N, C-alpha and C. Protein backbone atom coordinates (compact mmCIF):
# COMPACT_ATOMS: atom_id res chain seq x y z
N UNK A 1 0.84 -1.19 0.00
CA UNK A 1 0.00 0.00 0.00
C UNK A 1 0.88 1.24 0.00
N UNK A 2 0.40 2.28 -0.68
CA UNK A 2 1.08 3.58 -0.72
C UNK A 2 0.21 4.62 -0.02
N UNK A 3 0.88 5.57 0.62
CA UNK A 3 0.21 6.73 1.20
C UNK A 3 0.67 7.97 0.45
N UNK A 4 -0.27 8.79 0.05
CA UNK A 4 0.05 10.10 -0.52
C UNK A 4 -0.58 11.12 0.42
N UNK A 5 0.28 11.91 1.05
CA UNK A 5 -0.15 12.85 2.09
C UNK A 5 -0.07 14.27 1.56
N UNK A 6 -1.19 14.94 1.54
CA UNK A 6 -1.22 16.36 1.20
C UNK A 6 -1.16 17.16 2.49
N UNK A 7 -0.22 18.08 2.57
CA UNK A 7 -0.10 18.90 3.77
C UNK A 7 -0.86 20.21 3.53
N UNK A 8 -1.65 20.59 4.53
CA UNK A 8 -2.42 21.83 4.46
C UNK A 8 -3.12 22.08 5.77
N UNK A 9 -3.93 23.10 5.79
CA UNK A 9 -4.72 23.45 6.97
C UNK A 9 -6.19 23.15 6.69
N UNK A 10 -6.89 22.56 7.64
CA UNK A 10 -8.31 22.25 7.43
C UNK A 10 -9.19 23.49 7.58
N UNK A 11 -10.34 23.43 6.98
CA UNK A 11 -11.34 24.49 7.16
C UNK A 11 -11.43 25.43 5.97
N UNK A 12 -12.61 26.00 5.81
CA UNK A 12 -12.90 26.89 4.68
C UNK A 12 -12.00 28.11 4.65
N UNK A 13 -11.59 28.57 5.83
CA UNK A 13 -10.73 29.75 5.93
C UNK A 13 -9.45 29.60 5.11
N UNK A 14 -8.97 28.36 4.98
CA UNK A 14 -7.68 28.12 4.33
C UNK A 14 -7.79 27.59 2.90
N UNK A 15 -9.00 27.37 2.41
CA UNK A 15 -9.18 26.87 1.05
C UNK A 15 -8.50 27.80 0.05
N UNK A 16 -7.73 27.23 -0.84
CA UNK A 16 -7.10 28.01 -1.90
C UNK A 16 -5.87 28.79 -1.48
N UNK A 17 -5.41 28.61 -0.23
CA UNK A 17 -4.20 29.33 0.17
C UNK A 17 -2.96 28.59 -0.32
N UNK A 18 -1.87 29.30 -0.35
CA UNK A 18 -0.60 28.74 -0.82
C UNK A 18 -0.16 27.55 0.04
N UNK A 19 -0.44 27.61 1.32
CA UNK A 19 -0.04 26.54 2.24
C UNK A 19 -0.85 25.27 2.02
N UNK A 20 -1.94 25.35 1.25
CA UNK A 20 -2.81 24.20 1.05
C UNK A 20 -2.63 23.52 -0.30
N UNK A 21 -1.53 23.75 -0.98
CA UNK A 21 -1.36 23.10 -2.27
C UNK A 21 -1.31 21.58 -2.13
N UNK A 22 -0.82 21.07 -1.01
CA UNK A 22 -0.82 19.62 -0.80
C UNK A 22 -2.23 19.05 -0.81
N UNK A 23 -3.14 19.73 -0.12
CA UNK A 23 -4.54 19.31 -0.12
C UNK A 23 -5.11 19.35 -1.55
N UNK A 24 -4.81 20.42 -2.26
CA UNK A 24 -5.37 20.57 -3.61
C UNK A 24 -4.90 19.45 -4.53
N UNK A 25 -3.64 19.05 -4.40
CA UNK A 25 -3.12 17.98 -5.26
C UNK A 25 -3.78 16.64 -4.92
N UNK A 26 -3.86 16.27 -3.64
CA UNK A 26 -4.46 14.97 -3.33
C UNK A 26 -5.95 14.95 -3.67
N UNK A 27 -6.62 16.09 -3.58
CA UNK A 27 -8.02 16.15 -3.97
C UNK A 27 -8.17 15.93 -5.48
N UNK A 28 -7.23 16.44 -6.25
CA UNK A 28 -7.27 16.22 -7.70
C UNK A 28 -6.92 14.77 -8.04
N UNK A 29 -6.00 14.16 -7.29
CA UNK A 29 -5.70 12.74 -7.49
C UNK A 29 -6.96 11.93 -7.21
N UNK A 30 -7.65 12.25 -6.14
CA UNK A 30 -8.89 11.55 -5.80
C UNK A 30 -9.92 11.69 -6.91
N UNK A 31 -10.10 12.90 -7.39
CA UNK A 31 -11.08 13.14 -8.45
C UNK A 31 -10.75 12.35 -9.72
N UNK A 32 -9.50 12.39 -10.11
CA UNK A 32 -9.08 11.70 -11.33
C UNK A 32 -9.22 10.18 -11.21
N UNK A 33 -9.14 9.67 -9.99
CA UNK A 33 -9.16 8.21 -9.79
C UNK A 33 -10.42 7.72 -9.08
N UNK A 34 -11.49 8.52 -9.14
CA UNK A 34 -12.80 8.15 -8.59
C UNK A 34 -12.73 7.71 -7.13
N UNK A 35 -12.01 8.49 -6.34
CA UNK A 35 -11.89 8.24 -4.90
C UNK A 35 -12.60 9.36 -4.15
N UNK A 36 -13.12 9.06 -2.98
CA UNK A 36 -13.85 10.04 -2.20
C UNK A 36 -13.25 10.14 -0.79
N UNK A 37 -13.04 11.37 -0.35
CA UNK A 37 -12.52 11.59 1.00
C UNK A 37 -13.63 11.40 2.02
N UNK A 38 -13.27 10.73 3.11
CA UNK A 38 -14.15 10.59 4.26
C UNK A 38 -13.37 11.00 5.49
N UNK A 39 -14.04 11.65 6.41
CA UNK A 39 -13.39 12.08 7.65
C UNK A 39 -13.22 10.89 8.58
N UNK A 40 -12.01 10.69 9.05
CA UNK A 40 -11.72 9.66 10.04
C UNK A 40 -11.37 10.38 11.34
N UNK A 41 -12.33 10.45 12.25
CA UNK A 41 -12.14 11.20 13.50
C UNK A 41 -11.04 10.59 14.36
N UNK A 42 -10.96 9.27 14.38
CA UNK A 42 -9.94 8.60 15.19
C UNK A 42 -8.54 8.97 14.72
N UNK A 43 -8.34 9.03 13.41
CA UNK A 43 -7.03 9.36 12.86
C UNK A 43 -6.83 10.86 12.68
N UNK A 44 -7.89 11.65 12.86
CA UNK A 44 -7.84 13.11 12.68
C UNK A 44 -7.37 13.48 11.28
N UNK A 45 -8.04 12.87 10.29
CA UNK A 45 -7.65 13.10 8.90
C UNK A 45 -8.81 12.81 7.97
N UNK A 46 -8.73 13.42 6.79
CA UNK A 46 -9.58 13.01 5.68
C UNK A 46 -8.82 11.95 4.92
N UNK A 47 -9.48 10.85 4.58
CA UNK A 47 -8.81 9.75 3.90
C UNK A 47 -9.66 9.29 2.72
N UNK A 48 -9.02 9.12 1.57
CA UNK A 48 -9.65 8.55 0.39
C UNK A 48 -8.88 7.27 0.07
N UNK A 49 -9.61 6.16 -0.04
CA UNK A 49 -8.98 4.87 -0.30
C UNK A 49 -9.38 4.40 -1.69
N UNK A 50 -8.41 3.85 -2.41
CA UNK A 50 -8.71 3.34 -3.73
C UNK A 50 -7.47 2.79 -4.41
N UNK A 51 -7.52 2.81 -5.73
CA UNK A 51 -6.41 2.28 -6.52
C UNK A 51 -5.97 3.35 -7.51
N UNK A 52 -4.66 3.43 -7.67
CA UNK A 52 -4.05 4.31 -8.66
C UNK A 52 -3.09 3.45 -9.46
N UNK A 53 -3.34 3.33 -10.76
CA UNK A 53 -2.47 2.53 -11.60
C UNK A 53 -2.30 1.10 -11.12
N UNK A 54 -3.35 0.53 -10.53
CA UNK A 54 -3.29 -0.84 -10.05
C UNK A 54 -2.74 -1.01 -8.65
N UNK A 55 -2.31 0.08 -8.03
CA UNK A 55 -1.75 0.04 -6.67
C UNK A 55 -2.79 0.51 -5.65
N UNK A 56 -2.82 -0.16 -4.49
CA UNK A 56 -3.67 0.30 -3.39
C UNK A 56 -3.07 1.58 -2.82
N UNK A 57 -3.91 2.61 -2.70
CA UNK A 57 -3.44 3.92 -2.25
C UNK A 57 -4.42 4.51 -1.26
N UNK A 58 -3.85 5.13 -0.22
CA UNK A 58 -4.63 6.00 0.67
C UNK A 58 -4.15 7.41 0.43
N UNK A 59 -5.07 8.30 0.15
CA UNK A 59 -4.78 9.72 0.09
C UNK A 59 -5.15 10.30 1.45
N UNK A 60 -4.25 11.09 2.02
CA UNK A 60 -4.43 11.55 3.40
C UNK A 60 -4.32 13.07 3.47
N UNK A 61 -5.29 13.69 4.15
CA UNK A 61 -5.25 15.11 4.49
C UNK A 61 -5.33 15.22 6.01
N UNK A 62 -4.18 15.38 6.69
CA UNK A 62 -4.22 15.54 8.14
C UNK A 62 -5.05 16.77 8.52
N UNK A 63 -5.88 16.65 9.52
CA UNK A 63 -6.71 17.76 9.97
C UNK A 63 -6.13 18.44 11.20
N UNK A 64 -4.86 18.24 11.43
CA UNK A 64 -4.20 18.77 12.63
C UNK A 64 -3.43 20.06 12.36
N UNK A 65 -3.61 20.65 11.19
CA UNK A 65 -2.90 21.85 10.77
C UNK A 65 -1.47 21.49 10.34
N UNK A 66 -0.93 22.31 9.48
CA UNK A 66 0.35 22.05 8.84
C UNK A 66 1.43 21.68 9.84
N UNK A 67 1.62 22.49 10.86
CA UNK A 67 2.75 22.33 11.78
C UNK A 67 2.66 21.08 12.64
N UNK A 68 1.51 20.43 12.66
CA UNK A 68 1.32 19.24 13.49
C UNK A 68 0.92 18.02 12.67
N UNK A 69 1.28 18.00 11.40
CA UNK A 69 0.89 16.92 10.49
C UNK A 69 1.58 15.60 10.79
N UNK A 70 2.80 15.66 11.27
CA UNK A 70 3.61 14.46 11.44
C UNK A 70 3.00 13.37 12.30
N UNK A 71 2.53 13.69 13.52
CA UNK A 71 1.98 12.62 14.36
C UNK A 71 0.79 11.90 13.72
N UNK A 72 -0.05 12.63 13.00
CA UNK A 72 -1.21 12.01 12.33
C UNK A 72 -0.73 10.98 11.31
N UNK A 73 0.23 11.37 10.48
CA UNK A 73 0.71 10.48 9.43
C UNK A 73 1.51 9.32 10.03
N UNK A 74 2.33 9.61 11.03
CA UNK A 74 3.12 8.55 11.66
C UNK A 74 2.21 7.47 12.26
N UNK A 75 1.07 7.87 12.82
CA UNK A 75 0.13 6.90 13.38
C UNK A 75 -0.41 5.98 12.29
N UNK A 76 -0.77 6.55 11.15
CA UNK A 76 -1.27 5.74 10.03
C UNK A 76 -0.17 4.79 9.54
N UNK A 77 1.04 5.31 9.42
CA UNK A 77 2.17 4.49 8.95
C UNK A 77 2.39 3.30 9.89
N UNK A 78 2.36 3.55 11.20
CA UNK A 78 2.53 2.46 12.17
C UNK A 78 1.39 1.45 12.10
N UNK A 79 0.15 1.96 12.10
CA UNK A 79 -1.00 1.06 12.13
C UNK A 79 -1.12 0.23 10.85
N UNK A 80 -0.77 0.80 9.72
CA UNK A 80 -0.91 0.10 8.44
C UNK A 80 0.40 -0.56 8.01
N UNK A 81 1.47 -0.39 8.82
CA UNK A 81 2.78 -0.98 8.56
C UNK A 81 3.27 -0.61 7.15
N UNK A 82 3.28 0.70 6.89
CA UNK A 82 3.70 1.23 5.59
C UNK A 82 5.18 1.64 5.69
N UNK A 83 5.97 1.20 4.74
CA UNK A 83 7.39 1.58 4.70
C UNK A 83 7.49 3.08 4.38
N UNK A 84 8.49 3.73 4.94
CA UNK A 84 8.65 5.17 4.72
C UNK A 84 8.82 5.51 3.24
N UNK A 85 9.43 4.64 2.45
CA UNK A 85 9.58 4.97 1.03
C UNK A 85 8.29 4.75 0.24
N UNK A 86 7.24 4.27 0.91
CA UNK A 86 5.92 4.16 0.30
C UNK A 86 4.98 5.29 0.76
N UNK A 87 5.57 6.34 1.34
CA UNK A 87 4.82 7.52 1.76
C UNK A 87 5.34 8.72 0.97
N UNK A 88 4.46 9.35 0.22
CA UNK A 88 4.81 10.57 -0.53
C UNK A 88 4.11 11.74 0.13
N UNK A 89 4.89 12.75 0.53
CA UNK A 89 4.34 13.94 1.16
C UNK A 89 4.35 15.08 0.13
N UNK A 90 3.22 15.72 -0.07
CA UNK A 90 3.07 16.81 -1.04
C UNK A 90 2.93 18.12 -0.26
N UNK A 91 3.86 19.05 -0.49
CA UNK A 91 3.88 20.31 0.26
C UNK A 91 4.17 21.49 -0.64
N UNK A 92 3.89 22.68 -0.09
CA UNK A 92 4.22 23.94 -0.75
C UNK A 92 5.67 24.29 -0.46
N UNK A 93 6.26 25.12 -1.33
CA UNK A 93 7.64 25.57 -1.11
C UNK A 93 7.80 26.97 -1.69
N UNK A 94 8.03 27.96 -0.82
CA UNK A 94 8.21 29.34 -1.29
C UNK A 94 9.65 29.60 -1.74
N UNK A 95 10.50 28.57 -1.67
CA UNK A 95 11.86 28.70 -2.20
C UNK A 95 11.96 28.24 -3.65
N UNK A 96 10.86 27.72 -4.18
CA UNK A 96 10.82 27.31 -5.59
C UNK A 96 9.98 28.32 -6.38
N UNK A 97 10.33 28.51 -7.64
CA UNK A 97 9.52 29.41 -8.48
C UNK A 97 8.07 28.92 -8.57
N UNK A 98 7.18 29.84 -8.78
CA UNK A 98 5.76 29.54 -8.90
C UNK A 98 5.53 28.41 -9.91
N UNK A 99 4.89 27.35 -9.46
CA UNK A 99 4.52 26.24 -10.33
C UNK A 99 5.59 25.19 -10.55
N UNK A 100 6.79 25.39 -10.03
CA UNK A 100 7.86 24.39 -10.21
C UNK A 100 7.58 23.18 -9.33
N UNK A 101 7.97 22.00 -9.81
CA UNK A 101 7.83 20.76 -9.05
C UNK A 101 9.22 20.20 -8.75
N UNK A 102 9.41 19.67 -7.55
CA UNK A 102 10.65 19.00 -7.17
C UNK A 102 10.30 17.77 -6.35
N UNK A 103 10.52 16.61 -6.95
CA UNK A 103 10.34 15.34 -6.25
C UNK A 103 11.70 14.89 -5.76
N UNK A 104 11.80 14.51 -4.50
CA UNK A 104 13.03 14.01 -3.91
C UNK A 104 12.72 12.76 -3.08
N UNK A 105 13.72 11.90 -2.95
CA UNK A 105 13.54 10.68 -2.16
C UNK A 105 13.73 10.92 -0.67
N UNK A 106 14.38 12.03 -0.32
CA UNK A 106 14.60 12.39 1.09
C UNK A 106 15.11 13.82 1.12
N UNK A 107 15.39 14.32 2.31
CA UNK A 107 15.95 15.66 2.41
C UNK A 107 15.59 16.33 3.72
N UNK A 108 15.97 17.58 3.81
CA UNK A 108 15.72 18.35 5.02
C UNK A 108 14.31 18.93 5.01
N UNK A 109 13.97 19.59 6.10
CA UNK A 109 12.68 20.26 6.18
C UNK A 109 12.64 21.50 5.30
N UNK A 110 13.80 22.05 4.97
CA UNK A 110 13.85 23.22 4.11
C UNK A 110 13.08 24.42 4.66
N UNK A 111 12.98 24.52 5.98
CA UNK A 111 12.26 25.65 6.58
C UNK A 111 10.75 25.46 6.66
N UNK A 112 10.24 24.32 6.20
CA UNK A 112 8.80 24.06 6.20
C UNK A 112 8.42 23.34 7.50
N UNK A 113 7.58 23.97 8.30
CA UNK A 113 7.23 23.40 9.60
C UNK A 113 6.44 22.09 9.50
N UNK A 114 5.65 21.94 8.46
CA UNK A 114 4.94 20.68 8.26
C UNK A 114 5.92 19.55 7.98
N UNK A 115 6.93 19.83 7.16
CA UNK A 115 7.95 18.82 6.88
C UNK A 115 8.78 18.55 8.12
N UNK A 116 9.06 19.57 8.90
CA UNK A 116 9.79 19.39 10.16
C UNK A 116 9.01 18.46 11.08
N UNK A 117 7.69 18.61 11.15
CA UNK A 117 6.85 17.75 11.96
C UNK A 117 6.88 16.31 11.45
N UNK A 118 6.86 16.15 10.14
CA UNK A 118 6.91 14.80 9.54
C UNK A 118 8.23 14.12 9.89
N UNK A 119 9.34 14.82 9.71
CA UNK A 119 10.66 14.25 9.98
C UNK A 119 10.78 13.87 11.45
N UNK A 120 10.34 14.74 12.34
CA UNK A 120 10.41 14.45 13.78
C UNK A 120 9.56 13.24 14.13
N UNK A 121 8.38 13.13 13.56
CA UNK A 121 7.46 12.04 13.88
C UNK A 121 7.93 10.72 13.30
N UNK A 122 8.55 10.76 12.12
CA UNK A 122 9.08 9.55 11.50
C UNK A 122 10.42 9.16 12.11
N UNK A 123 11.11 10.14 12.70
CA UNK A 123 12.44 9.88 13.24
C UNK A 123 13.50 9.80 12.15
N UNK A 124 13.15 10.28 10.95
CA UNK A 124 14.07 10.20 9.82
C UNK A 124 13.57 11.10 8.69
N UNK A 125 14.50 11.66 7.90
CA UNK A 125 14.09 12.42 6.72
C UNK A 125 14.00 11.54 5.46
N UNK A 126 14.10 10.25 5.65
CA UNK A 126 14.16 9.31 4.52
C UNK A 126 12.76 8.89 4.07
N UNK A 127 12.09 9.77 3.37
CA UNK A 127 10.81 9.47 2.75
C UNK A 127 10.63 10.46 1.59
N UNK A 128 9.95 10.06 0.51
CA UNK A 128 9.78 10.94 -0.64
C UNK A 128 8.90 12.15 -0.34
N UNK A 129 9.21 13.24 -1.03
CA UNK A 129 8.41 14.45 -0.91
C UNK A 129 8.35 15.16 -2.25
N UNK A 130 7.18 15.70 -2.55
CA UNK A 130 6.97 16.49 -3.75
C UNK A 130 6.70 17.92 -3.31
N UNK A 131 7.64 18.78 -3.65
CA UNK A 131 7.51 20.21 -3.31
C UNK A 131 6.95 20.94 -4.52
N UNK A 132 6.04 21.85 -4.27
CA UNK A 132 5.41 22.64 -5.33
C UNK A 132 5.68 24.11 -5.05
N UNK A 133 6.31 24.78 -6.00
CA UNK A 133 6.65 26.19 -5.85
C UNK A 133 5.41 27.07 -5.79
N UNK A 134 5.38 27.93 -4.79
CA UNK A 134 4.24 28.83 -4.61
C UNK A 134 4.63 30.29 -4.81
N UNK A 135 5.86 30.52 -5.31
CA UNK A 135 6.35 31.88 -5.50
C UNK A 135 7.14 32.32 -4.28
N UNK A 136 7.89 33.38 -4.43
CA UNK A 136 8.79 33.85 -3.37
C UNK A 136 8.05 34.68 -2.33
N UNK A 137 8.33 34.35 -1.08
CA UNK A 137 7.77 35.11 0.03
C UNK A 137 8.59 36.39 0.21
N UNK A 138 7.93 37.51 0.44
CA UNK A 138 8.68 38.74 0.74
C UNK A 138 9.53 38.54 2.00
N UNK A 139 10.71 39.14 2.05
CA UNK A 139 11.58 38.97 3.22
C UNK A 139 10.85 39.28 4.53
N UNK A 140 10.95 38.33 5.46
CA UNK A 140 10.36 38.51 6.78
C UNK A 140 8.85 38.30 6.84
N UNK A 141 8.21 37.95 5.72
CA UNK A 141 6.75 37.81 5.69
C UNK A 141 6.27 36.42 5.27
N UNK A 142 7.12 35.42 5.44
CA UNK A 142 6.78 34.07 4.98
C UNK A 142 5.50 33.55 5.63
N UNK A 143 5.34 33.77 6.93
CA UNK A 143 4.18 33.23 7.64
C UNK A 143 2.89 33.80 7.06
N UNK A 144 2.85 35.09 6.82
CA UNK A 144 1.66 35.70 6.22
C UNK A 144 1.50 35.28 4.77
N UNK A 145 2.60 35.20 4.03
CA UNK A 145 2.56 34.89 2.61
C UNK A 145 1.93 33.52 2.34
N UNK A 146 2.31 32.50 3.10
CA UNK A 146 1.80 31.15 2.82
C UNK A 146 0.31 31.04 3.08
N UNK A 147 -0.26 31.98 3.83
CA UNK A 147 -1.70 31.94 4.12
C UNK A 147 -2.52 32.80 3.18
N UNK A 148 -1.85 33.38 2.16
CA UNK A 148 -2.57 34.15 1.15
C UNK A 148 -3.04 33.23 0.02
N UNK A 149 -4.02 33.70 -0.72
CA UNK A 149 -4.48 32.97 -1.90
C UNK A 149 -3.69 33.43 -3.12
N UNK A 150 -3.67 32.59 -4.13
CA UNK A 150 -2.98 32.95 -5.36
C UNK A 150 -3.71 34.09 -6.05
N UNK A 151 -2.94 35.00 -6.61
CA UNK A 151 -3.54 36.09 -7.38
C UNK A 151 -4.14 35.51 -8.66
N UNK A 152 -5.14 36.16 -9.23
CA UNK A 152 -5.72 35.66 -10.48
C UNK A 152 -4.66 35.44 -11.58
N UNK A 153 -3.65 36.29 -11.61
CA UNK A 153 -2.60 36.16 -12.61
C UNK A 153 -1.73 34.92 -12.38
N UNK A 154 -1.78 34.34 -11.18
CA UNK A 154 -1.00 33.15 -10.86
C UNK A 154 -1.82 31.86 -10.98
N UNK A 155 -3.12 31.99 -10.97
CA UNK A 155 -3.99 30.81 -10.86
C UNK A 155 -3.85 29.85 -12.04
N UNK A 156 -3.79 30.35 -13.29
CA UNK A 156 -3.64 29.45 -14.44
C UNK A 156 -2.35 28.65 -14.35
N UNK A 157 -1.30 29.31 -13.96
CA UNK A 157 -0.01 28.63 -13.83
C UNK A 157 -0.06 27.55 -12.74
N UNK A 158 -0.74 27.85 -11.65
CA UNK A 158 -0.85 26.88 -10.57
C UNK A 158 -1.77 25.72 -10.96
N UNK A 159 -2.84 25.99 -11.68
CA UNK A 159 -3.70 24.90 -12.15
C UNK A 159 -2.90 23.93 -13.02
N UNK A 160 -2.07 24.46 -13.87
CA UNK A 160 -1.20 23.62 -14.70
C UNK A 160 -0.22 22.83 -13.82
N UNK A 161 0.35 23.49 -12.81
CA UNK A 161 1.27 22.82 -11.88
C UNK A 161 0.55 21.70 -11.12
N UNK A 162 -0.68 21.95 -10.70
CA UNK A 162 -1.43 20.91 -9.98
C UNK A 162 -1.68 19.70 -10.87
N UNK A 163 -2.00 19.94 -12.14
CA UNK A 163 -2.20 18.82 -13.07
C UNK A 163 -0.90 18.03 -13.26
N UNK A 164 0.23 18.73 -13.38
CA UNK A 164 1.52 18.05 -13.49
C UNK A 164 1.86 17.31 -12.21
N UNK A 165 1.49 17.88 -11.07
CA UNK A 165 1.73 17.22 -9.78
C UNK A 165 0.92 15.93 -9.66
N UNK A 166 -0.32 15.95 -10.14
CA UNK A 166 -1.14 14.73 -10.13
C UNK A 166 -0.49 13.67 -11.01
N UNK A 167 -0.01 14.07 -12.19
CA UNK A 167 0.71 13.12 -13.05
C UNK A 167 1.91 12.54 -12.32
N UNK A 168 2.65 13.39 -11.62
CA UNK A 168 3.83 12.97 -10.87
C UNK A 168 3.45 11.98 -9.77
N UNK A 169 2.39 12.27 -9.02
CA UNK A 169 1.94 11.37 -7.97
C UNK A 169 1.56 10.02 -8.56
N UNK A 170 0.83 10.02 -9.65
CA UNK A 170 0.43 8.76 -10.28
C UNK A 170 1.65 7.98 -10.77
N UNK A 171 2.62 8.67 -11.37
CA UNK A 171 3.84 8.00 -11.82
C UNK A 171 4.64 7.46 -10.64
N UNK A 172 4.73 8.23 -9.55
CA UNK A 172 5.43 7.76 -8.35
C UNK A 172 4.78 6.49 -7.83
N UNK A 173 3.45 6.46 -7.82
CA UNK A 173 2.72 5.32 -7.30
C UNK A 173 3.05 4.04 -8.07
N UNK A 174 3.15 4.15 -9.37
CA UNK A 174 3.34 2.97 -10.22
C UNK A 174 4.82 2.69 -10.50
N UNK A 175 5.59 3.75 -10.79
CA UNK A 175 6.96 3.56 -11.27
C UNK A 175 8.02 3.76 -10.20
N UNK A 176 7.67 4.38 -9.08
CA UNK A 176 8.63 4.62 -8.02
C UNK A 176 9.24 6.01 -8.09
N UNK A 177 10.00 6.33 -7.07
CA UNK A 177 10.54 7.68 -6.91
C UNK A 177 11.52 8.06 -8.00
N UNK A 178 12.50 7.20 -8.28
CA UNK A 178 13.56 7.57 -9.23
C UNK A 178 12.99 7.82 -10.62
N UNK A 179 12.15 6.93 -11.11
CA UNK A 179 11.58 7.13 -12.44
C UNK A 179 10.70 8.38 -12.49
N UNK A 180 9.91 8.61 -11.43
CA UNK A 180 9.07 9.81 -11.40
C UNK A 180 9.93 11.06 -11.31
N UNK A 181 11.03 11.02 -10.56
CA UNK A 181 11.95 12.16 -10.51
C UNK A 181 12.51 12.46 -11.89
N UNK A 182 12.96 11.43 -12.58
CA UNK A 182 13.56 11.61 -13.91
C UNK A 182 12.56 12.21 -14.89
N UNK A 183 11.31 11.85 -14.74
CA UNK A 183 10.28 12.33 -15.67
C UNK A 183 9.78 13.72 -15.34
N UNK A 184 9.67 14.07 -14.04
CA UNK A 184 8.96 15.28 -13.65
C UNK A 184 9.83 16.42 -13.11
N UNK A 185 11.04 16.14 -12.66
CA UNK A 185 11.90 17.24 -12.21
C UNK A 185 12.51 17.89 -13.43
N UNK A 186 12.51 19.19 -13.43
CA UNK A 186 13.09 19.82 -14.60
C UNK A 186 13.28 21.23 -14.37
């Protein structure tokens, strides 16, 4: 089984914000693959279960807010006995140009508190992550910037990036990290 985790903040207040690109990607994966999210109160997450390219997949949206995503995902990983390399975390990155994708097999938190929570909860940075560029944060204003919505002039570019991210997630699910990296990083 594979887990694809979208990192974001729950609630209508955060819909469409830069920090919620992880949620937007997993929701598009669900839509494309006829999967439906259901709230799991015990796990504190929205979960969509199904198949992607013949593989069993759980799409996960932790409802614990970005900075506390790790414990929710770590609990699922332990309970379902999922290997860390079978967990793909999808997050925003203000250090990447708007709409850029970067798939990696491991790495640092890169200043992202959600990723920091994941690494601390897993006890290791050794798990795949797909970073999606949300544009550059003004100096000293990163916290406010990630909670803003995309400007209309950015939305078309991000919609295209989300579609490419869904392709990347599907390729990762079937072909693995290295092949998906070779195809989608650029």
